Amino acid sequence: MKRTTRSQSHAVSFEELPDWMTVRDAQIFLRLGRSTIYEMIQAGEIPSRRFGRQFRIAKEALRPTASKSTRFEV
């Protein structure tokens, strides 16, 4: 997922997301803070995998969240 700033944001459909997202990508997609994403990962609310020192979140793990709308501002 291309990094964007708020001034460069545009609508992205769920299908356009990468298969494995970084915490930053999920943060932008879900419009949540970094700490909140990590807390959700720790609580098991967002399934993730660890690749070295980084967490990656499967796009499909966010499908229940995305089912409310098919377009998101990121």
N, C-alpha and C. Protein backbone atom coordinates (compact mmCIF):
# COMPACT_ATOMS: atom_id res chain seq x y z
N MET A 1 0.84 -1.16 0.00
CA MET A 1 0.00 0.00 0.00
C MET A 1 0.89 1.23 0.00
N LYS A 2 0.62 2.12 -0.88
CA LYS A 2 1.39 3.35 -0.98
C LYS A 2 1.12 4.23 0.23
N ARG A 3 2.15 4.78 0.78
CA ARG A 3 2.01 5.68 1.93
C ARG A 3 1.42 7.00 1.45
N THR A 4 0.46 7.49 2.20
CA THR A 4 -0.15 8.77 1.84
C THR A 4 -0.22 9.65 3.06
N THR A 5 -0.28 10.92 2.81
CA THR A 5 -0.54 11.88 3.88
C THR A 5 -2.01 12.24 3.81
N ARG A 6 -2.47 12.92 4.80
CA ARG A 6 -3.88 13.30 4.80
C ARG A 6 -4.24 14.14 3.57
N SER A 7 -3.31 14.97 3.13
CA SER A 7 -3.60 15.81 1.97
C SER A 7 -3.61 15.02 0.67
N GLN A 8 -3.00 13.82 0.68
CA GLN A 8 -2.96 12.99 -0.53
C GLN A 8 -3.95 11.83 -0.45
N SER A 9 -4.86 11.82 0.51
CA SER A 9 -5.75 10.69 0.71
C SER A 9 -6.71 10.54 -0.46
N HIS A 10 -7.11 9.29 -0.67
CA HIS A 10 -8.10 8.98 -1.70
C HIS A 10 -8.82 7.71 -1.29
N ALA A 11 -9.97 7.45 -1.89
CA ALA A 11 -10.75 6.28 -1.56
C ALA A 11 -10.07 5.03 -2.11
N VAL A 12 -10.01 3.99 -1.28
CA VAL A 12 -9.42 2.72 -1.68
C VAL A 12 -10.42 1.63 -1.37
N SER A 13 -10.69 0.77 -2.33
CA SER A 13 -11.60 -0.34 -2.07
C SER A 13 -10.84 -1.45 -1.36
N PHE A 14 -11.58 -2.31 -0.69
CA PHE A 14 -10.99 -3.42 0.05
C PHE A 14 -10.15 -4.30 -0.88
N GLU A 15 -10.60 -4.49 -2.10
CA GLU A 15 -9.90 -5.33 -3.07
C GLU A 15 -8.55 -4.76 -3.48
N GLU A 16 -8.37 -3.45 -3.37
CA GLU A 16 -7.12 -2.80 -3.75
C GLU A 16 -6.02 -2.90 -2.68
N LEU A 17 -6.38 -3.34 -1.49
CA LEU A 17 -5.40 -3.44 -0.42
C LEU A 17 -4.40 -4.56 -0.69
N PRO A 18 -3.18 -4.46 -0.16
CA PRO A 18 -2.21 -5.55 -0.33
C PRO A 18 -2.65 -6.75 0.50
N ASP A 19 -2.20 -7.95 0.13
CA ASP A 19 -2.57 -9.16 0.86
C ASP A 19 -2.08 -9.14 2.30
N TRP A 20 -0.89 -8.62 2.53
CA TRP A 20 -0.32 -8.49 3.87
C TRP A 20 -0.01 -7.02 4.13
N MET A 21 -0.66 -6.44 5.15
CA MET A 21 -0.47 -5.03 5.45
C MET A 21 0.43 -4.84 6.66
N THR A 22 1.13 -3.73 6.68
CA THR A 22 1.90 -3.35 7.86
C THR A 22 0.93 -2.76 8.88
N VAL A 23 1.41 -2.56 10.08
CA VAL A 23 0.58 -1.92 11.10
C VAL A 23 0.19 -0.52 10.64
N ARG A 24 1.11 0.17 9.99
CA ARG A 24 0.82 1.52 9.48
C ARG A 24 -0.30 1.48 8.43
N ASP A 25 -0.26 0.50 7.53
CA ASP A 25 -1.31 0.36 6.52
C ASP A 25 -2.67 0.14 7.18
N ALA A 26 -2.70 -0.76 8.17
CA ALA A 26 -3.95 -1.04 8.89
C ALA A 26 -4.42 0.19 9.65
N GLN A 27 -3.48 0.92 10.19
CA GLN A 27 -3.80 2.16 10.92
C GLN A 27 -4.50 3.15 10.00
N ILE A 28 -4.00 3.33 8.82
CA ILE A 28 -4.60 4.25 7.86
C ILE A 28 -5.95 3.73 7.41
N PHE A 29 -6.02 2.45 7.08
CA PHE A 29 -7.25 1.84 6.57
C PHE A 29 -8.37 1.90 7.61
N LEU A 30 -8.05 1.58 8.87
CA LEU A 30 -9.07 1.54 9.90
C LEU A 30 -9.28 2.86 10.62
N ARG A 31 -8.39 3.82 10.33
CA ARG A 31 -8.45 5.14 10.97
C ARG A 31 -8.34 5.02 12.49
N LEU A 32 -7.36 4.24 12.92
CA LEU A 32 -7.09 4.04 14.34
C LEU A 32 -5.65 4.41 14.62
N GLY A 33 -5.34 4.66 15.87
CA GLY A 33 -3.98 4.98 16.26
C GLY A 33 -3.10 3.75 16.30
N ARG A 34 -1.80 3.97 16.27
CA ARG A 34 -0.82 2.88 16.28
C ARG A 34 -0.96 2.03 17.53
N SER A 35 -1.07 2.67 18.68
CA SER A 35 -1.21 1.93 19.94
C SER A 35 -2.48 1.08 19.95
N THR A 36 -3.55 1.61 19.39
CA THR A 36 -4.81 0.87 19.34
C THR A 36 -4.65 -0.38 18.49
N ILE A 37 -3.98 -0.26 17.35
CA ILE A 37 -3.76 -1.42 16.48
C ILE A 37 -2.95 -2.47 17.22
N TYR A 38 -1.87 -2.08 17.89
CA TYR A 38 -1.06 -3.03 18.64
C TYR A 38 -1.85 -3.67 19.78
N GLU A 39 -2.69 -2.90 20.46
CA GLU A 39 -3.54 -3.45 21.52
C GLU A 39 -4.52 -4.48 20.95
N MET A 40 -5.09 -4.20 19.79
CA MET A 40 -6.02 -5.13 19.15
C MET A 40 -5.30 -6.41 18.72
N ILE A 41 -4.06 -6.28 18.27
CA ILE A 41 -3.26 -7.45 17.90
C ILE A 41 -3.00 -8.29 19.15
N GLN A 42 -2.57 -7.65 20.24
CA GLN A 42 -2.30 -8.36 21.49
C GLN A 42 -3.53 -9.04 22.04
N ALA A 43 -4.68 -8.41 21.93
CA ALA A 43 -5.93 -8.97 22.44
C ALA A 43 -6.50 -10.05 21.53
N GLY A 44 -5.92 -10.22 20.35
CA GLY A 44 -6.41 -11.22 19.41
C GLY A 44 -7.58 -10.74 18.56
N GLU A 45 -7.90 -9.47 18.64
CA GLU A 45 -9.01 -8.91 17.85
C GLU A 45 -8.63 -8.79 16.38
N ILE A 46 -7.34 -8.58 16.11
CA ILE A 46 -6.83 -8.54 14.74
C ILE A 46 -5.77 -9.63 14.65
N PRO A 47 -6.05 -10.72 13.92
CA PRO A 47 -5.04 -11.76 13.75
C PRO A 47 -3.86 -11.22 12.94
N SER A 48 -2.66 -11.60 13.33
CA SER A 48 -1.48 -11.11 12.63
C SER A 48 -0.39 -12.17 12.66
N ARG A 49 0.64 -11.93 11.87
CA ARG A 49 1.84 -12.77 11.85
C ARG A 49 3.02 -11.86 12.08
N ARG A 50 4.04 -12.43 12.63
CA ARG A 50 5.26 -11.66 12.85
C ARG A 50 6.30 -12.08 11.83
N PHE A 51 6.86 -11.12 11.12
CA PHE A 51 7.94 -11.33 10.16
C PHE A 51 9.14 -10.55 10.68
N GLY A 52 10.05 -11.26 11.33
CA GLY A 52 11.17 -10.57 11.97
C GLY A 52 10.65 -9.73 13.11
N ARG A 53 10.92 -8.44 13.06
CA ARG A 53 10.47 -7.54 14.12
C ARG A 53 9.15 -6.86 13.80
N GLN A 54 8.60 -7.11 12.62
CA GLN A 54 7.38 -6.42 12.20
C GLN A 54 6.17 -7.35 12.23
N PHE A 55 5.03 -6.77 12.59
CA PHE A 55 3.77 -7.48 12.48
C PHE A 55 3.19 -7.22 11.10
N ARG A 56 2.58 -8.24 10.53
CA ARG A 56 1.85 -8.09 9.27
C ARG A 56 0.43 -8.60 9.49
N ILE A 57 -0.50 -7.93 8.91
CA ILE A 57 -1.91 -8.25 9.08
C ILE A 57 -2.47 -8.65 7.71
N ALA A 58 -3.06 -9.83 7.66
CA ALA A 58 -3.65 -10.30 6.41
C ALA A 58 -4.87 -9.45 6.07
N LYS A 59 -5.00 -9.14 4.81
CA LYS A 59 -6.13 -8.34 4.36
C LYS A 59 -7.45 -9.00 4.77
N GLU A 60 -7.51 -10.31 4.66
CA GLU A 60 -8.74 -11.03 5.00
C GLU A 60 -9.10 -10.91 6.48
N ALA A 61 -8.12 -10.64 7.33
CA ALA A 61 -8.39 -10.47 8.76
C ALA A 61 -9.22 -9.21 9.00
N LEU A 62 -9.21 -8.29 8.07
CA LEU A 62 -9.95 -7.03 8.22
C LEU A 62 -11.29 -7.06 7.50
N ARG A 63 -11.62 -8.16 6.85
CA ARG A 63 -12.88 -8.24 6.10
C ARG A 63 -14.10 -7.95 6.97
N PRO A 64 -14.23 -8.48 8.21
CA PRO A 64 -15.41 -8.13 9.01
C PRO A 64 -15.56 -6.63 9.23
N THR A 65 -14.46 -5.93 9.39
CA THR A 65 -14.48 -4.48 9.56
C THR A 65 -14.88 -3.80 8.26
N ALA A 66 -14.40 -4.34 7.15
CA ALA A 66 -14.64 -3.72 5.85
C ALA A 66 -16.03 -4.03 5.30
N SER A 67 -16.71 -5.01 5.85
CA SER A 67 -17.99 -5.39 5.29
C SER A 67 -19.08 -4.31 5.46
N LYS A 68 -18.84 -3.36 6.37
CA LYS A 68 -19.81 -2.28 6.58
C LYS A 68 -19.84 -1.30 5.41
N SER A 69 -18.73 -1.21 4.70
CA SER A 69 -18.62 -0.29 3.57
C SER A 69 -17.57 -0.84 2.61
N THR A 70 -17.73 -0.58 1.33
CA THR A 70 -16.77 -1.09 0.37
C THR A 70 -15.73 -0.06 0.00
N ARG A 71 -15.89 1.19 0.40
CA ARG A 71 -14.93 2.24 0.08
C ARG A 71 -14.47 2.90 1.37
N PHE A 72 -13.18 3.21 1.46
CA PHE A 72 -12.60 3.84 2.62
C PHE A 72 -11.71 4.97 2.19
N GLU A 73 -11.62 6.00 2.99
CA GLU A 73 -10.68 7.09 2.75
C GLU A 73 -9.37 6.71 3.41
N VAL A 74 -8.30 6.64 2.65
CA VAL A 74 -6.96 6.40 3.21
C VAL A 74 -5.99 7.38 2.61
